[in-house]
Amino acid sequence: MIENALPDDPTPKPVRTTPLDDWHRRLGARMVAFAGYAMPVQYDFTGDLAARCRGGIVAEHLHCRAQAALFDVSHMGQAMLSGTNVAAALERLVPGDIIGLKPDRQRYSLLTNEAGGILDDLMIAHLGNDRFFIVVNASRKEDDFTHLAAGLPAGVTLAPLEDRALLALQGPAAISVLARLAPQVAALPFMGVAAIDIAGVACLVSRSGYTGEDGCEISLPADRAEALADALLAQPEVAPAGLGARDSLRLEAGLCLYGNDIDELTSPVEAGLTWVIGRRRREAWDFPGAAVIRDQLDNTFPRLRVGIRPEGRAPARALTDIVAGDGTAAGVVTSGGFSPTLNAPIAMGYVRRDLATPGTPVFVVVRGKPLPATVAALPFVPHRYVR
């Protein structure tokens, strides 16, 4: 977990690196092991960068909210699916409406198991001509690709893209920055996807991200990653940001981190993610775990993912117990930390259904002491995606 990493420790070996590893180190990044990769948790800025962003997780977080932050997410898994009737093949494995996904559009979805649990969350983009591009979580990509390949019919091929990098430029200035280098980016709608040359580099660009801000994710050849990162960093609004800011930004936005907030023992119903199940899919109920998920929707389920606002200044980290006012067990925190935007601690977790209404008082047990907190609606900070 990011919050338990020790930034000053040497990076454990063996560990994989992204195409931007040398670039991070030149910029003074504090590297940690995350999902099997050496990744920047934050940067110690010098020179011109120091004037833009004073350094540290809080500064990088606030810079993303105010201008534009550049994240390296090349550790995530990228793959191409092609063949015949690929959309129908994918629908055997995910609850989303993939057949109805138009070309040049992408959709957030889930891989589910027969017990209704979440194997991973992923992005699925329709590139046209029965070609689909997917992005999965770094910690799950080998398992995901094996699972997908085993579930796809003859005639559909899954090809992992090991020679690609992935950058995320996020923040209110992100699109104007990219439009200087590639004007057609400005016309991309939210969750739109297009092949676009940026500063002479052939990229696959989606208007999406995981910070709650407007921005783009950019897939490109690994050997061009440094050149494009330098071109973006040359723009006065842009500063690099690491895993620490990415984690605090997605927590403020109420977005799940796989392995913390969702896993194989969590259903989309409990996680508050039933919106991914398309209307047509709710008529067929023909995806893995559909019977369990439908039963939960029709009847009941024991817990629900909610926001938590602890009182005071002490953050409630992951695995912190949540108790009800009468002292009975209420649930557990799955992600927690300090919100730079709100200047207050925030957390997400699962509580009993009877305690899930926003405004319900609870306690979080921090260092053995119950501290007052309140169940809160998600997100903590409103999304600013373009609509």
Protein backbone atom coordinates (compact mmCIF):
# COMPACT_ATOMS: atom_id res chain seq x y z
CA MET A 1 0.00 0.00 0.00
CA ILE A 2 1.20 3.50 -0.77
CA GLU A 3 0.57 4.84 2.69
CA ASN A 4 2.81 2.18 4.27
CA ALA A 5 5.72 2.64 1.87
CA LEU A 6 9.04 3.90 3.19
CA PRO A 7 10.22 6.51 0.66
CA ASP A 8 13.76 6.76 2.03
CA ASP A 9 14.46 3.01 1.77
CA PRO A 10 16.41 1.74 -1.23
CA THR A 11 14.17 0.11 -3.83
CA PRO A 12 14.01 -3.65 -3.16
CA LYS A 13 15.44 -5.97 -5.83
CA PRO A 14 14.45 -7.62 -8.04
CA VAL A 15 11.85 -5.16 -9.24
CA ARG A 16 10.57 -4.17 -12.65
CA THR A 17 10.94 -0.66 -14.01
CA THR A 18 8.82 1.49 -16.28
CA PRO A 19 10.24 3.16 -19.42
CA LEU A 20 10.48 6.40 -17.40
CA ASP A 21 12.62 5.01 -14.57
CA ASP A 22 15.72 7.09 -15.42
CA TRP A 23 13.51 10.15 -16.01
CA HIS A 24 12.02 9.86 -12.53
CA ARG A 25 15.41 9.56 -10.89
CA ARG A 26 16.78 12.57 -12.80
CA LEU A 27 13.89 14.61 -11.38
CA GLY A 28 14.71 13.59 -7.82
CA ALA A 29 11.86 11.12 -7.37
CA ARG A 30 11.68 9.08 -4.18
CA MET A 31 11.22 5.58 -5.51
CA VAL A 32 9.33 2.76 -3.80
CA ALA A 33 8.29 -0.75 -4.75
CA PHE A 34 4.63 -0.85 -5.79
CA ALA A 35 2.86 -3.74 -7.56
CA GLY A 36 6.25 -5.22 -8.43
CA TYR A 37 7.59 -2.00 -9.99
CA ALA A 38 9.93 0.76 -8.91
CA MET A 39 7.62 3.77 -8.89
CA PRO A 40 7.90 7.42 -7.79
CA VAL A 41 5.97 8.15 -4.59
CA GLN A 42 6.86 11.86 -4.72
CA TYR A 43 9.44 14.26 -6.16
CA ASP A 44 11.98 16.62 -4.63
CA PHE A 45 11.84 19.50 -7.05
CA THR A 46 14.78 21.66 -8.04
CA GLY A 47 15.29 24.60 -10.37
CA ASP A 48 12.31 25.77 -12.41
CA LEU A 49 10.15 22.92 -11.12
CA ALA A 50 10.61 24.13 -7.55
CA ALA A 51 8.95 27.40 -8.52
CA ARG A 52 5.92 25.56 -9.91
CA CYS A 53 5.44 23.03 -7.15
CA ARG A 54 7.29 23.15 -3.84
CA GLY A 55 7.54 19.40 -3.60
CA GLY A 56 5.97 16.67 -1.55
CA ILE A 57 2.71 14.78 -1.83
CA VAL A 58 0.48 17.64 -0.65
CA ALA A 59 2.03 20.11 -3.09
CA GLU A 60 1.74 17.67 -5.99
CA HIS A 61 -1.88 16.96 -5.06
CA LEU A 62 -2.79 20.66 -4.94
CA HIS A 63 -0.92 21.32 -8.18
CA CYS A 64 -3.11 18.71 -9.92
CA ARG A 65 -6.26 20.35 -8.56
CA ALA A 66 -5.06 23.80 -9.68
CA GLN A 67 -3.15 23.19 -12.93
CA ALA A 68 -1.87 19.93 -14.45
CA ALA A 69 0.04 16.97 -13.02
CA LEU A 70 1.87 14.33 -15.04
CA PHE A 71 1.71 10.75 -13.73
CA ASP A 72 3.58 7.71 -14.99
CA VAL A 73 1.13 4.77 -14.94
CA SER A 74 3.13 2.55 -17.28
CA HIS A 75 3.09 -0.24 -14.70
CA MET A 76 -0.55 -0.91 -15.55
CA GLY A 77 -1.43 -3.66 -18.00
CA GLN A 78 -2.31 -2.75 -21.58
CA ALA A 79 -3.63 -5.23 -24.13
CA MET A 80 -5.38 -5.39 -27.49
CA LEU A 81 -8.23 -7.72 -28.30
CA SER A 82 -9.05 -8.46 -31.92
CA GLY A 83 -10.85 -11.01 -34.04
CA THR A 84 -14.51 -11.76 -34.69
CA ASN A 85 -17.37 -10.61 -32.44
CA VAL A 86 -14.96 -9.35 -29.79
CA ALA A 87 -17.62 -7.30 -27.99
CA ALA A 88 -19.84 -10.35 -27.50
CA ALA A 89 -16.84 -12.34 -26.28
CA LEU A 90 -16.00 -9.67 -23.72
CA GLU A 91 -19.58 -9.59 -22.48
CA ARG A 92 -19.17 -13.20 -21.33
CA LEU A 93 -16.63 -11.94 -18.80
CA VAL A 94 -17.80 -8.46 -17.73
CA PRO A 95 -21.17 -6.97 -16.71
CA GLY A 96 -20.84 -3.90 -18.91
CA ASP A 97 -22.64 -3.26 -22.18
CA ILE A 98 -19.75 -3.78 -24.58
CA ILE A 99 -21.83 -4.59 -27.67
CA GLY A 100 -23.40 -1.14 -27.31
CA LEU A 101 -20.04 0.60 -26.90
CA LYS A 102 -19.57 2.78 -29.97
CA PRO A 103 -16.24 3.11 -31.80
CA ASP A 104 -13.90 5.74 -30.36
CA ARG A 105 -15.51 5.39 -26.92
CA GLN A 106 -14.41 3.62 -23.76
CA ARG A 107 -16.15 2.31 -20.65
CA TYR A 108 -15.20 1.46 -17.07
CA SER A 109 -16.12 -2.12 -16.21
CA LEU A 110 -15.34 -5.06 -13.93
CA LEU A 111 -14.12 -8.61 -14.25
CA THR A 112 -16.33 -10.72 -11.99
CA ASN A 113 -16.16 -14.30 -10.75
CA GLU A 114 -18.97 -16.83 -10.36
CA ALA A 115 -19.40 -15.85 -6.69
CA GLY A 116 -20.13 -12.27 -7.69
CA GLY A 117 -16.73 -11.01 -6.52
CA ILE A 118 -14.58 -8.49 -8.35
CA LEU A 119 -11.44 -9.89 -9.97
CA ASP A 120 -10.38 -6.43 -11.17
CA ASP A 121 -11.69 -3.16 -12.53
CA LEU A 122 -10.60 -2.11 -15.99
CA MET A 123 -11.10 0.30 -18.88
CA ILE A 124 -12.37 -1.04 -22.22
CA ALA A 125 -12.02 1.07 -25.38
CA HIS A 126 -13.60 0.31 -28.75
CA LEU A 127 -11.18 1.25 -31.51
CA GLY A 128 -13.41 0.10 -34.39
CA ASN A 129 -13.06 -2.85 -36.78
CA ASP A 130 -13.62 -5.34 -33.93
CA ARG A 131 -10.54 -4.09 -32.05
CA PHE A 132 -10.69 -3.31 -28.34
CA PHE A 133 -8.00 -1.82 -26.11
CA ILE A 134 -8.03 -2.59 -22.37
CA VAL A 135 -6.14 -1.27 -19.36
CA VAL A 136 -6.02 -3.31 -16.14
CA ASN A 137 -4.39 -2.83 -12.75
CA ALA A 138 -0.68 -3.54 -12.38
CA SER A 139 -1.11 -5.90 -9.43
CA ARG A 140 -3.60 -8.01 -11.38
CA LYS A 141 -2.44 -7.89 -14.99
CA GLU A 142 -0.88 -11.35 -15.27
CA ASP A 143 -3.93 -12.95 -13.60
CA ASP A 144 -6.31 -10.82 -15.68
CA PHE A 145 -4.68 -11.70 -18.97
CA THR A 146 -4.70 -15.41 -18.08
CA HIS A 147 -8.36 -15.18 -17.03
CA LEU A 148 -9.35 -13.32 -20.18
CA ALA A 149 -7.45 -15.61 -22.53
CA ALA A 150 -9.07 -18.67 -20.94
CA GLY A 151 -12.54 -17.19 -21.29
CA LEU A 152 -12.31 -15.91 -24.85
CA PRO A 153 -13.61 -18.08 -27.69
CA ALA A 154 -11.65 -19.24 -30.70
CA GLY A 155 -11.29 -16.39 -33.15
CA VAL A 156 -10.60 -13.72 -30.50
CA THR A 157 -6.99 -12.93 -29.65
CA LEU A 158 -5.63 -11.15 -26.57
CA ALA A 159 -2.24 -9.49 -27.15
CA PRO A 160 -0.55 -7.87 -24.10
CA LEU A 161 1.28 -4.68 -25.10
CA GLU A 162 4.58 -4.99 -23.26
CA ASP A 163 6.27 -2.31 -25.37
CA ARG A 164 3.90 0.53 -24.41
CA ALA A 165 4.11 3.26 -21.79
CA LEU A 166 1.11 4.99 -20.23
CA LEU A 167 1.02 8.61 -19.06
CA ALA A 168 -1.80 10.45 -17.33
CA LEU A 169 -2.02 14.24 -17.55
CA GLN A 170 -4.63 15.39 -15.07
CA GLY A 171 -5.98 18.73 -13.91
CA PRO A 172 -8.00 21.73 -15.12
CA ALA A 173 -5.17 22.87 -17.43
CA ALA A 174 -4.46 19.41 -18.88
CA ILE A 175 -6.50 19.73 -22.07
CA SER A 176 -5.28 23.23 -22.92
CA VAL A 177 -1.70 22.02 -22.45
CA LEU A 178 -2.22 19.00 -24.72
CA ALA A 179 -4.09 21.10 -27.29
CA ARG A 180 -0.96 23.23 -27.81
CA LEU A 181 0.85 20.09 -28.93
CA ALA A 182 -2.12 18.38 -30.62
CA PRO A 183 -5.15 20.65 -31.23
CA GLN A 184 -7.52 17.73 -31.90
CA VAL A 185 -7.31 16.69 -28.23
CA ALA A 186 -9.64 19.57 -27.34
CA ALA A 187 -12.48 17.95 -29.32
CA LEU A 188 -12.34 14.66 -27.40
CA PRO A 189 -15.48 14.10 -25.29
CA PHE A 190 -15.34 12.55 -21.84
CA MET A 191 -14.43 8.85 -22.28
CA GLY A 192 -13.62 9.47 -25.92
CA VAL A 193 -10.61 7.71 -27.50
CA ALA A 194 -8.56 8.64 -30.55
CA ALA A 195 -5.22 7.97 -32.24
CA ILE A 196 -3.45 11.35 -32.08
CA ASP A 197 0.11 12.52 -32.72
CA ILE A 198 1.37 14.55 -29.75
CA ALA A 199 4.67 16.39 -30.26
CA GLY A 200 5.48 13.99 -33.10
CA VAL A 201 4.68 10.84 -31.09
CA ALA A 202 1.90 8.50 -32.25
CA CYS A 203 -0.39 8.05 -29.23
CA LEU A 204 -3.69 6.49 -28.28
CA VAL A 205 -5.41 9.16 -26.18
CA SER A 206 -8.47 8.79 -23.95
CA ARG A 207 -10.16 11.67 -22.14
CA SER A 208 -10.24 10.00 -18.76
CA GLY A 209 -8.27 9.53 -15.58
CA TYR A 210 -8.47 8.56 -11.93
CA THR A 211 -8.18 11.83 -10.05
CA GLY A 212 -11.65 13.31 -10.42
CA GLU A 213 -10.16 16.01 -12.67
CA ASP A 214 -10.43 16.51 -16.40
CA GLY A 215 -7.49 15.14 -18.33
CA CYS A 216 -6.19 12.38 -20.57
CA GLU A 217 -4.47 9.04 -20.39
CA ILE A 218 -1.92 8.56 -23.16
CA SER A 219 -0.69 5.18 -24.41
CA LEU A 220 2.46 5.39 -26.52
CA PRO A 221 5.54 3.40 -27.58
CA ALA A 222 7.86 2.82 -24.63
CA ASP A 223 10.88 4.20 -26.47
CA ARG A 224 9.13 7.56 -26.96
CA ALA A 225 7.93 7.98 -23.37
CA GLU A 226 10.78 10.21 -22.20
CA ALA A 227 10.49 12.49 -25.21
CA LEU A 228 6.78 13.05 -24.66
CA ALA A 229 7.18 13.40 -20.89
CA ASP A 230 9.83 16.09 -21.49
CA ALA A 231 7.58 17.87 -24.00
CA LEU A 232 4.73 17.93 -21.50
CA LEU A 233 6.95 18.97 -18.61
CA ALA A 234 8.22 21.89 -20.72
CA GLN A 235 4.74 23.41 -20.50
CA PRO A 236 4.59 25.95 -17.64
CA GLU A 237 1.43 24.48 -16.07
CA VAL A 238 2.78 20.92 -15.77
CA ALA A 239 4.64 19.30 -12.87
CA PRO A 240 5.26 15.58 -12.26
CA ALA A 241 3.38 13.81 -9.50
CA GLY A 242 3.87 10.43 -7.87
CA LEU A 243 1.85 7.64 -6.31
CA GLY A 244 1.26 9.56 -3.09
CA ALA A 245 -0.69 12.34 -4.79
CA ARG A 246 -2.44 9.88 -7.10
CA ASP A 247 -3.70 8.00 -4.05
CA SER A 248 -4.94 11.08 -2.18
CA LEU A 249 -6.59 12.45 -5.33
CA ARG A 250 -8.50 9.25 -6.09
CA LEU A 251 -9.56 8.99 -2.43
CA GLU A 252 -11.00 12.51 -2.49
CA ALA A 253 -12.81 11.52 -5.70
CA GLY A 254 -14.27 8.43 -3.99
CA LEU A 255 -12.63 6.05 -6.49
CA CYS A 256 -11.73 2.48 -5.57
CA LEU A 257 -8.23 1.05 -5.32
CA TYR A 258 -8.17 -2.63 -6.18
CA GLY A 259 -6.90 -4.72 -3.27
CA ASN A 260 -8.04 -2.10 -0.78
CA ASP A 261 -11.61 -1.10 -1.58
CA ILE A 262 -12.61 -3.92 -3.93
CA ASP A 263 -11.46 -7.52 -4.28
CA GLU A 264 -12.63 -11.05 -5.05
CA LEU A 265 -14.72 -11.11 -1.86
CA THR A 266 -16.52 -7.84 -2.67
CA SER A 267 -19.53 -7.63 -4.99
CA PRO A 268 -20.38 -4.66 -7.22
CA VAL A 269 -23.51 -4.17 -5.11
CA GLU A 270 -21.56 -3.80 -1.86
CA ALA A 271 -19.00 -1.57 -3.60
CA GLY A 272 -21.67 0.77 -4.96
CA LEU A 273 -20.63 -0.06 -8.53
CA THR A 274 -23.86 -1.50 -9.93
CA TRP A 275 -24.00 1.43 -12.36
CA VAL A 276 -21.48 -0.49 -14.50
CA ILE A 277 -24.15 -3.13 -15.25
CA GLY A 278 -25.81 -1.95 -18.44
CA ARG A 279 -29.61 -1.93 -18.81
CA ARG A 280 -29.50 -4.62 -21.46
CA ARG A 281 -27.22 -6.76 -19.24
CA ARG A 282 -29.82 -6.54 -16.46
CA GLU A 283 -32.27 -8.24 -18.78
CA ALA A 284 -29.98 -11.14 -19.74
CA TRP A 285 -28.00 -11.57 -16.47
CA ASP A 286 -25.51 -13.69 -18.40
CA PHE A 287 -22.15 -12.64 -16.99
CA PRO A 288 -20.09 -14.38 -14.25
CA GLY A 289 -21.67 -13.97 -10.81
CA ALA A 290 -24.88 -12.51 -12.23
CA ALA A 291 -27.14 -14.73 -10.11
CA VAL A 292 -25.46 -13.63 -6.88
CA ILE A 293 -25.45 -9.97 -7.85
CA ARG A 294 -29.08 -10.06 -8.95
CA ASP A 295 -30.09 -11.73 -5.69
CA GLN A 296 -28.36 -9.01 -3.69
CA LEU A 297 -30.15 -6.31 -5.68
CA ASP A 298 -33.54 -8.03 -5.36
CA ASN A 299 -33.22 -8.92 -1.70
CA THR A 300 -30.50 -7.61 0.57
CA PHE A 301 -26.78 -7.40 1.20
CA PRO A 302 -24.94 -6.92 4.49
CA ARG A 303 -22.64 -3.97 3.90
CA LEU A 304 -22.02 -0.96 1.70
CA ARG A 305 -19.01 1.16 0.74
CA VAL A 306 -19.32 4.65 2.20
CA GLY A 307 -17.28 7.74 2.92
CA ILE A 308 -16.12 8.45 6.46
CA ARG A 309 -15.28 11.88 7.89
CA PRO A 310 -13.31 11.49 11.15
CA GLU A 311 -13.48 14.45 13.51
CA GLY A 312 -10.24 16.18 14.51
CA ARG A 313 -7.00 15.76 12.59
CA ALA A 314 -6.05 12.08 13.06
CA PRO A 315 -6.50 10.05 9.85
CA ALA A 316 -8.08 6.60 9.91
CA ARG A 317 -5.90 4.39 7.74
CA ALA A 318 -6.80 1.16 5.97
CA LEU A 319 -7.84 -1.69 8.30
CA THR A 320 -9.03 0.74 11.00
CA ASP A 321 -12.08 -0.70 12.74
CA ILE A 322 -15.38 1.19 12.58
CA VAL A 323 -17.79 0.78 15.51
CA ALA A 324 -21.37 1.90 16.03
CA GLY A 325 -22.53 4.23 18.78
CA ASP A 326 -23.54 1.25 20.91
CA GLY A 327 -20.06 -0.21 20.68
CA THR A 328 -20.93 -3.02 18.26
CA ALA A 329 -18.78 -3.76 15.22
CA ALA A 330 -19.84 -1.64 12.26
CA GLY A 331 -17.22 -2.23 9.58
CA VAL A 332 -13.68 -1.42 8.51
CA VAL A 333 -11.81 1.35 6.72
CA THR A 334 -10.33 0.26 3.39
CA SER A 335 -8.63 3.53 2.33
CA GLY A 336 -7.87 6.54 4.46
CA GLY A 337 -5.62 9.54 4.79
CA PHE A 338 -5.53 13.32 4.92
CA SER A 339 -7.32 15.38 2.27
CA PRO A 340 -5.18 18.32 1.10
CA THR A 341 -8.20 19.88 -0.62
CA LEU A 342 -10.43 19.73 2.46
CA ASN A 343 -7.58 20.09 4.97
CA ALA A 344 -9.11 17.26 6.98
CA PRO A 345 -8.91 13.47 7.32
CA ILE A 346 -11.13 11.35 5.04
CA ALA A 347 -11.64 7.63 4.58
CA MET A 348 -13.63 5.04 2.66
CA GLY A 349 -14.79 1.73 4.03
CA TYR A 350 -17.59 -0.76 4.43
CA VAL A 351 -20.28 -0.47 7.11
CA ARG A 352 -23.43 -2.38 7.99
CA ARG A 353 -26.40 -1.44 5.85
CA ASP A 354 -28.23 0.08 8.84
CA LEU A 355 -25.35 2.54 9.31
CA ALA A 356 -24.78 3.48 5.66
CA THR A 357 -26.94 6.63 5.51
CA PRO A 358 -24.85 9.83 5.19
CA GLY A 359 -24.80 11.71 8.47
CA THR A 360 -24.84 8.58 10.63
CA PRO A 361 -22.44 8.95 13.60
CA VAL A 362 -19.87 6.19 14.09
CA PHE A 363 -16.45 5.78 15.69
CA VAL A 364 -13.09 4.89 14.12
CA VAL A 365 -10.64 3.08 16.39
CA VAL A 366 -7.28 4.80 15.93
CA ARG A 367 -4.40 3.45 18.06
CA GLY A 368 -6.91 1.72 20.27
CA LYS A 369 -8.98 4.83 20.92
CA PRO A 370 -12.49 5.31 19.48
CA LEU A 371 -12.66 8.67 17.73
CA PRO A 372 -15.95 10.22 16.56
CA ALA A 373 -16.65 10.19 12.83
CA THR A 374 -19.58 10.56 10.45
CA VAL A 375 -20.69 8.51 7.46
CA ALA A 376 -20.40 10.74 4.38
CA ALA A 377 -21.58 10.70 0.78
CA LEU A 378 -19.03 10.09 -1.96
CA PRO A 379 -17.17 11.75 -3.56
CA PHE A 380 -15.60 14.00 -0.96
CA VAL A 381 -14.55 16.47 -3.67
CA PRO A 382 -16.87 16.92 -6.71
CA HIS A 383 -15.69 15.43 -9.98
CA ARG A 384 -14.73 17.91 -12.67
CA TYR A 385 -14.87 15.69 -15.74
CA VAL A 386 -15.87 17.45 -18.93
CA ARG A 387 -19.48 16.77 -19.93
